[in-house]
Amino acid sequence: MADHERLGRTLVRPSVLDDVAADVTDGMAYADAEAALAAHGIEDASAALSRLGYRVEWAGLDGGTVREQ
């Protein structure tokens, strides 16, 4: 098992991904998901959400909703 996984330009420990997975849920606002990821030091929200099995359903330029893929 690798000590880290690359998400965008960030190396993340699997245990951190587990913690983030518990914080991100289907239907939450993208801004909230982005904040949860940032709280764990993950800056590339798109890469992290994709790795966790989510996509963003955009609603114009104001934001979006996190949905399971």
PDB file of N, CA and C in Angstrom:
ATOM      1  N   MET A   1       0.845  -1.179   0.000  1.00  0.00           N
ATOM      2  CA  MET A   1       0.000   0.000   0.000  1.00  0.00           C
ATOM      3  C   MET A   1       0.891   1.244   0.000  1.00  0.00           C
ATOM      4  N   ALA A   2       0.555   2.202  -0.802  1.00  0.00           N
ATOM      5  CA  ALA A   2       1.339   3.417  -0.892  1.00  0.00           C
ATOM      6  C   ALA A   2       1.116   4.291   0.343  1.00  0.00           C
ATOM      7  N   ASP A   3       2.168   5.033   0.702  1.00  0.00           N
ATOM      8  CA  ASP A   3       2.046   5.945   1.837  1.00  0.00           C
ATOM      9  C   ASP A   3       1.227   7.171   1.478  1.00  0.00           C
ATOM     10  N   HIS A   4       1.227   7.533   0.216  1.00  0.00           N
ATOM     11  CA  HIS A   4       0.510   8.716  -0.254  1.00  0.00           C
ATOM     12  C   HIS A   4      -0.099   8.443  -1.623  1.00  0.00           C
ATOM     13  N   GLU A   5      -1.109   9.227  -1.924  1.00  0.00           N
ATOM     14  CA  GLU A   5      -1.731   9.185  -3.252  1.00  0.00           C
ATOM     15  C   GLU A   5      -1.720  10.603  -3.803  1.00  0.00           C
ATOM     16  N   ARG A   6      -1.425  10.739  -5.074  1.00  0.00           N
ATOM     17  CA  ARG A   6      -1.389  12.061  -5.690  1.00  0.00           C
ATOM     18  C   ARG A   6      -2.805  12.466  -6.119  1.00  0.00           C
ATOM     19  N   LEU A   7      -3.232  13.620  -5.637  1.00  0.00           N
ATOM     20  CA  LEU A   7      -4.501  14.226  -6.061  1.00  0.00           C
ATOM     21  C   LEU A   7      -4.166  15.591  -6.625  1.00  0.00           C
ATOM     22  N   GLY A   8      -4.159  15.694  -7.937  1.00  0.00           N
ATOM     23  CA  GLY A   8      -3.712  16.942  -8.549  1.00  0.00           C
ATOM     24  C   GLY A   8      -2.241  17.123  -8.231  1.00  0.00           C
ATOM     25  N   ARG A   9      -1.898  18.226  -7.573  1.00  0.00           N
ATOM     26  CA  ARG A   9      -0.508  18.495  -7.206  1.00  0.00           C
ATOM     27  C   ARG A   9      -0.233  18.191  -5.731  1.00  0.00           C
ATOM     28  N   THR A  10      -1.185  17.556  -5.049  1.00  0.00           N
ATOM     29  CA  THR A  10      -1.060  17.305  -3.622  1.00  0.00           C
ATOM     30  C   THR A  10      -0.911  15.814  -3.343  1.00  0.00           C
ATOM     31  N   LEU A  11      -0.013  15.465  -2.437  1.00  0.00           N
ATOM     32  CA  LEU A  11       0.113  14.085  -1.969  1.00  0.00           C
ATOM     33  C   LEU A  11      -0.730  13.950  -0.702  1.00  0.00           C
ATOM     34  N   VAL A  12      -1.563  12.909  -0.673  1.00  0.00           N
ATOM     35  CA  VAL A  12      -2.508  12.734   0.423  1.00  0.00           C
ATOM     36  C   VAL A  12      -2.380  11.308   0.966  1.00  0.00           C
ATOM     37  N   ARG A  13      -2.386  11.181   2.281  1.00  0.00           N
ATOM     38  CA  ARG A  13      -2.368   9.859   2.919  1.00  0.00           C
ATOM     39  C   ARG A  13      -3.740   9.210   2.784  1.00  0.00           C
ATOM     40  N   PRO A  14      -3.794   7.894   2.632  1.00  0.00           N
ATOM     41  CA  PRO A  14      -5.083   7.190   2.547  1.00  0.00           C
ATOM     42  C   PRO A  14      -5.981   7.459   3.754  1.00  0.00           C
ATOM     43  N   SER A  15      -5.411   7.616   4.934  1.00  0.00           N
ATOM     44  CA  SER A  15      -6.226   7.887   6.124  1.00  0.00           C
ATOM     45  C   SER A  15      -6.916   9.246   6.029  1.00  0.00           C
ATOM     46  N   VAL A  16      -6.260  10.205   5.378  1.00  0.00           N
ATOM     47  CA  VAL A  16      -6.873  11.527   5.181  1.00  0.00           C
ATOM     48  C   VAL A  16      -8.033  11.402   4.196  1.00  0.00           C
ATOM     49  N   LEU A  17      -7.858  10.595   3.152  1.00  0.00           N
ATOM     50  CA  LEU A  17      -8.949  10.372   2.200  1.00  0.00           C
ATOM     51  C   LEU A  17     -10.153   9.739   2.894  1.00  0.00           C
ATOM     52  N   ASP A  18      -9.895   8.826   3.820  1.00  0.00           N
ATOM     53  CA  ASP A  18     -10.989   8.216   4.578  1.00  0.00           C
ATOM     54  C   ASP A  18     -11.729   9.262   5.405  1.00  0.00           C
ATOM     55  N   ASP A  19     -10.968  10.157   6.046  1.00  0.00           N
ATOM     56  CA  ASP A  19     -11.588  11.222   6.840  1.00  0.00           C
ATOM     57  C   ASP A  19     -12.420  12.153   5.962  1.00  0.00           C
ATOM     58  N   VAL A  20     -11.868  12.518   4.815  1.00  0.00           N
ATOM     59  CA  VAL A  20     -12.580  13.410   3.895  1.00  0.00           C
ATOM     60  C   VAL A  20     -13.836  12.724   3.364  1.00  0.00           C
ATOM     61  N   ALA A  21     -13.733  11.442   3.057  1.00  0.00           N
ATOM     62  CA  ALA A  21     -14.896  10.701   2.540  1.00  0.00           C
ATOM     63  C   ALA A  21     -16.056  10.738   3.522  1.00  0.00           C
ATOM     64  N   ALA A  22     -15.747  10.775   4.801  1.00  0.00           N
ATOM     65  CA  ALA A  22     -16.803  10.847   5.817  1.00  0.00           C
ATOM     66  C   ALA A  22     -17.444  12.228   5.874  1.00  0.00           C
ATOM     67  N   ASP A  23     -16.720  13.250   5.406  1.00  0.00           N
ATOM     68  CA  ASP A  23     -17.213  14.625   5.451  1.00  0.00           C
ATOM     69  C   ASP A  23     -17.997  15.039   4.213  1.00  0.00           C
ATOM     70  N   VAL A  24     -17.771  14.356   3.099  1.00  0.00           N
ATOM     71  CA  VAL A  24     -18.405  14.722   1.830  1.00  0.00           C
ATOM     72  C   VAL A  24     -19.577  13.774   1.584  1.00  0.00           C
ATOM     73  N   THR A  25     -20.733  14.351   1.255  1.00  0.00           N
ATOM     74  CA  THR A  25     -21.917  13.531   1.026  1.00  0.00           C
ATOM     75  C   THR A  25     -22.617  13.946  -0.259  1.00  0.00           C
ATOM     76  N   ASP A  26     -23.349  13.005  -0.818  1.00  0.00           N
ATOM     77  CA  ASP A  26     -24.137  13.267  -2.020  1.00  0.00           C
ATOM     78  C   ASP A  26     -25.168  14.350  -1.721  1.00  0.00           C
ATOM     79  N   GLY A  27     -25.239  15.346  -2.574  1.00  0.00           N
ATOM     80  CA  GLY A  27     -26.224  16.406  -2.429  1.00  0.00           C
ATOM     81  C   GLY A  27     -25.733  17.636  -1.683  1.00  0.00           C
ATOM     82  N   MET A  28     -24.504  17.598  -1.154  1.00  0.00           N
ATOM     83  CA  MET A  28     -24.021  18.779  -0.441  1.00  0.00           C
ATOM     84  C   MET A  28     -23.557  19.830  -1.440  1.00  0.00           C
ATOM     85  N   ALA A  29     -23.556  21.070  -1.018  1.00  0.00           N
ATOM     86  CA  ALA A  29     -23.116  22.173  -1.870  1.00  0.00           C
ATOM     87  C   ALA A  29     -21.631  22.023  -2.172  1.00  0.00           C
ATOM     88  N   TYR A  30     -21.256  22.348  -3.388  1.00  0.00           N
ATOM     89  CA  TYR A  30     -19.850  22.256  -3.788  1.00  0.00           C
ATOM     90  C   TYR A  30     -18.978  23.094  -2.876  1.00  0.00           C
ATOM     91  N   ALA A  31     -19.430  24.290  -2.512  1.00  0.00           N
ATOM     92  CA  ALA A  31     -18.641  25.167  -1.643  1.00  0.00           C
ATOM     93  C   ALA A  31     -18.362  24.497  -0.302  1.00  0.00           C
ATOM     94  N   ASP A  32     -19.334  23.763   0.241  1.00  0.00           N
ATOM     95  CA  ASP A  32     -19.145  23.060   1.508  1.00  0.00           C
ATOM     96  C   ASP A  32     -18.158  21.908   1.348  1.00  0.00           C
ATOM     97  N   ALA A  33     -18.255  21.188   0.233  1.00  0.00           N
ATOM     98  CA  ALA A  33     -17.323  20.097  -0.038  1.00  0.00           C
ATOM     99  C   ALA A  33     -15.909  20.646  -0.201  1.00  0.00           C
ATOM    100  N   GLU A  34     -15.794  21.753  -0.904  1.00  0.00           N
ATOM    101  CA  GLU A  34     -14.495  22.386  -1.114  1.00  0.00           C
ATOM    102  C   GLU A  34     -13.893  22.816   0.229  1.00  0.00           C
ATOM    103  N   ALA A  35     -14.715  23.339   1.123  1.00  0.00           N
ATOM    104  CA  ALA A  35     -14.242  23.751   2.448  1.00  0.00           C
ATOM    105  C   ALA A  35     -13.802  22.543   3.267  1.00  0.00           C
ATOM    106  N   ALA A  36     -14.539  21.445   3.177  1.00  0.00           N
ATOM    107  CA  ALA A  36     -14.176  20.228   3.903  1.00  0.00           C
ATOM    108  C   ALA A  36     -12.842  19.690   3.404  1.00  0.00           C
ATOM    109  N   LEU A  37     -12.635  19.732   2.111  1.00  0.00           N
ATOM    110  CA  LEU A  37     -11.373  19.276   1.533  1.00  0.00           C
ATOM    111  C   LEU A  37     -10.229  20.192   1.967  1.00  0.00           C
ATOM    112  N   ALA A  38     -10.465  21.497   1.925  1.00  0.00           N
ATOM    113  CA  ALA A  38      -9.434  22.461   2.316  1.00  0.00           C
ATOM    114  C   ALA A  38      -9.049  22.294   3.784  1.00  0.00           C
ATOM    115  N   ALA A  39     -10.004  21.936   4.619  1.00  0.00           N
ATOM    116  CA  ALA A  39      -9.723  21.718   6.039  1.00  0.00           C
ATOM    117  C   ALA A  39      -8.746  20.570   6.250  1.00  0.00           C
ATOM    118  N   HIS A  40      -8.658  19.678   5.269  1.00  0.00           N
ATOM    119  CA  HIS A  40      -7.730  18.556   5.330  1.00  0.00           C
ATOM    120  C   HIS A  40      -6.481  18.815   4.485  1.00  0.00           C
ATOM    121  N   GLY A  41      -6.330  20.042   3.994  1.00  0.00           N
ATOM    122  CA  GLY A  41      -5.145  20.405   3.230  1.00  0.00           C
ATOM    123  C   GLY A  41      -5.197  20.022   1.765  1.00  0.00           C
ATOM    124  N   ILE A  42      -6.377  19.706   1.261  1.00  0.00           N
ATOM    125  CA  ILE A  42      -6.526  19.308  -0.141  1.00  0.00           C
ATOM    126  C   ILE A  42      -7.046  20.501  -0.927  1.00  0.00           C
ATOM    127  N   GLU A  43      -6.230  20.979  -1.867  1.00  0.00           N
ATOM    128  CA  GLU A  43      -6.582  22.170  -2.631  1.00  0.00           C
ATOM    129  C   GLU A  43      -7.284  21.864  -3.944  1.00  0.00           C
ATOM    130  N   ASP A  44      -7.012  20.726  -4.539  1.00  0.00           N
ATOM    131  CA  ASP A  44      -7.608  20.382  -5.828  1.00  0.00           C
ATOM    132  C   ASP A  44      -8.909  19.622  -5.591  1.00  0.00           C
ATOM    133  N   ALA A  45      -9.984  20.377  -5.409  1.00  0.00           N
ATOM    134  CA  ALA A  45     -11.281  19.780  -5.085  1.00  0.00           C
ATOM    135  C   ALA A  45     -11.770  18.862  -6.195  1.00  0.00           C
ATOM    136  N   SER A  46     -11.576  19.241  -7.433  1.00  0.00           N
ATOM    137  CA  SER A  46     -12.059  18.426  -8.547  1.00  0.00           C
ATOM    138  C   SER A  46     -11.423  17.038  -8.552  1.00  0.00           C
ATOM    139  N   ALA A  47     -10.115  16.989  -8.390  1.00  0.00           N
ATOM    140  CA  ALA A  47      -9.411  15.702  -8.379  1.00  0.00           C
ATOM    141  C   ALA A  47      -9.836  14.861  -7.182  1.00  0.00           C
ATOM    142  N   ALA A  48      -9.972  15.495  -6.022  1.00  0.00           N
ATOM    143  CA  ALA A  48     -10.354  14.756  -4.817  1.00  0.00           C
ATOM    144  C   ALA A  48     -11.771  14.227  -4.922  1.00  0.00           C
ATOM    145  N   LEU A  49     -12.691  15.052  -5.390  1.00  0.00           N
ATOM    146  CA  LEU A  49     -14.078  14.602  -5.518  1.00  0.00           C
ATOM    147  C   LEU A  49     -14.181  13.458  -6.518  1.00  0.00           C
ATOM    148  N   SER A  50     -13.462  13.548  -7.609  1.00  0.00           N
ATOM    149  CA  SER A  50     -13.463  12.479  -8.600  1.00  0.00           C
ATOM    150  C   SER A  50     -12.929  11.190  -7.984  1.00  0.00           C
ATOM    151  N   ARG A  51     -11.834  11.285  -7.243  1.00  0.00           N
ATOM    152  CA  ARG A  51     -11.236  10.111  -6.587  1.00  0.00           C
ATOM    153  C   ARG A  51     -12.204   9.476  -5.590  1.00  0.00           C
ATOM    154  N   LEU A  52     -13.031  10.304  -4.944  1.00  0.00           N
ATOM    155  CA  LEU A  52     -13.998   9.813  -3.963  1.00  0.00           C
ATOM    156  C   LEU A  52     -15.296   9.322  -4.599  1.00  0.00           C
ATOM    157  N   GLY A  53     -15.391   9.444  -5.931  1.00  0.00           N
ATOM    158  CA  GLY A  53     -16.564   8.931  -6.637  1.00  0.00           C
ATOM    159  C   GLY A  53     -17.691   9.934  -6.807  1.00  0.00           C
ATOM    160  N   TYR A  54     -17.335  11.211  -6.811  1.00  0.00           N
ATOM    161  CA  TYR A  54     -18.339  12.267  -6.973  1.00  0.00           C
ATOM    162  C   TYR A  54     -18.062  13.088  -8.219  1.00  0.00           C
ATOM    163  N   ARG A  55     -19.091  13.761  -8.664  1.00  0.00           N
ATOM    164  CA  ARG A  55     -18.988  14.756  -9.736  1.00  0.00           C
ATOM    165  C   ARG A  55     -19.724  15.992  -9.240  1.00  0.00           C
ATOM    166  N   VAL A  56     -19.536  17.109  -9.919  1.00  0.00           N
ATOM    167  CA  VAL A  56     -20.227  18.338  -9.541  1.00  0.00           C
ATOM    168  C   VAL A  56     -21.284  18.631 -10.578  1.00  0.00           C
ATOM    169  N   GLU A  57     -22.504  18.811 -10.114  1.00  0.00           N
ATOM    170  CA  GLU A  57     -23.618  19.211 -10.964  1.00  0.00           C
ATOM    171  C   GLU A  57     -23.720  20.729 -10.833  1.00  0.00           C
ATOM    172  N   TRP A  58     -23.224  21.432 -11.850  1.00  0.00           N
ATOM    173  CA  TRP A  58     -23.141  22.892 -11.783  1.00  0.00           C
ATOM    174  C   TRP A  58     -24.502  23.535 -11.997  1.00  0.00           C
ATOM    175  N   ALA A  59     -24.728  24.615 -11.276  1.00  0.00           N
ATOM    176  CA  ALA A  59     -25.957  25.409 -11.397  1.00  0.00           C
ATOM    177  C   ALA A  59     -25.548  26.840 -11.710  1.00  0.00           C
ATOM    178  N   GLY A  60     -25.132  27.059 -12.936  1.00  0.00           N
ATOM    179  CA  GLY A  60     -24.662  28.383 -13.316  1.00  0.00           C
ATOM    180  C   GLY A  60     -23.279  28.647 -12.740  1.00  0.00           C
ATOM    181  N   LEU A  61     -22.938  29.919 -12.629  1.00  0.00           N
ATOM    182  CA  LEU A  61     -21.627  30.300 -12.129  1.00  0.00           C
ATOM    183  C   LEU A  61     -21.585  30.421 -10.616  1.00  0.00           C
ATOM    184  N   ASP A  62     -22.737  30.361  -9.980  1.00  0.00           N
ATOM    185  CA  ASP A  62     -22.806  30.566  -8.534  1.00  0.00           C
ATOM    186  C   ASP A  62     -22.406  29.350  -7.714  1.00  0.00           C
ATOM    187  N   GLY A  63     -22.393  28.193  -8.290  1.00  0.00           N
ATOM    188  CA  GLY A  63     -21.995  27.025  -7.523  1.00  0.00           C
ATOM    189  C   GLY A  63     -22.623  25.767  -8.075  1.00  0.00           C
ATOM    190  N   GLY A  64     -22.503  24.722  -7.305  1.00  0.00           N
ATOM    191  CA  GLY A  64     -23.026  23.457  -7.758  1.00  0.00           C
ATOM    192  C   GLY A  64     -23.305  22.544  -6.598  1.00  0.00           C
ATOM    193  N   THR A  65     -23.697  21.335  -6.943  1.00  0.00           N
ATOM    194  CA  THR A  65     -24.049  20.312  -5.975  1.00  0.00           C
ATOM    195  C   THR A  65     -23.199  19.078  -6.241  1.00  0.00           C
ATOM    196  N   VAL A  66     -22.709  18.463  -5.188  1.00  0.00           N
ATOM    197  CA  VAL A  66     -21.905  17.253  -5.294  1.00  0.00           C
ATOM    198  C   VAL A  66     -22.852  16.073  -5.467  1.00  0.00           C
ATOM    199  N   ARG A  67     -22.593  15.265  -6.498  1.00  0.00           N
ATOM    200  CA  ARG A  67     -23.422  14.085  -6.788  1.00  0.00           C
ATOM    201  C   ARG A  67     -22.534  12.867  -6.947  1.00  0.00           C
ATOM    202  N   GLU A  68     -23.041  11.712  -6.519  1.00  0.00           N
ATOM    203  CA  GLU A  68     -22.303  10.467  -6.733  1.00  0.00           C
ATOM    204  C   GLU A  68     -22.248  10.167  -8.215  1.00  0.00           C
ATOM    205  N   GLN A  69     -21.118   9.601  -8.650  1.00  0.00           N
ATOM    206  CA  GLN A  69     -20.977   9.252 -10.071  1.00  0.00           C
ATOM    207  C   GLN A  69     -21.702   7.978 -10.367  1.00  0.00           C
TER     208      GLN A  69
END
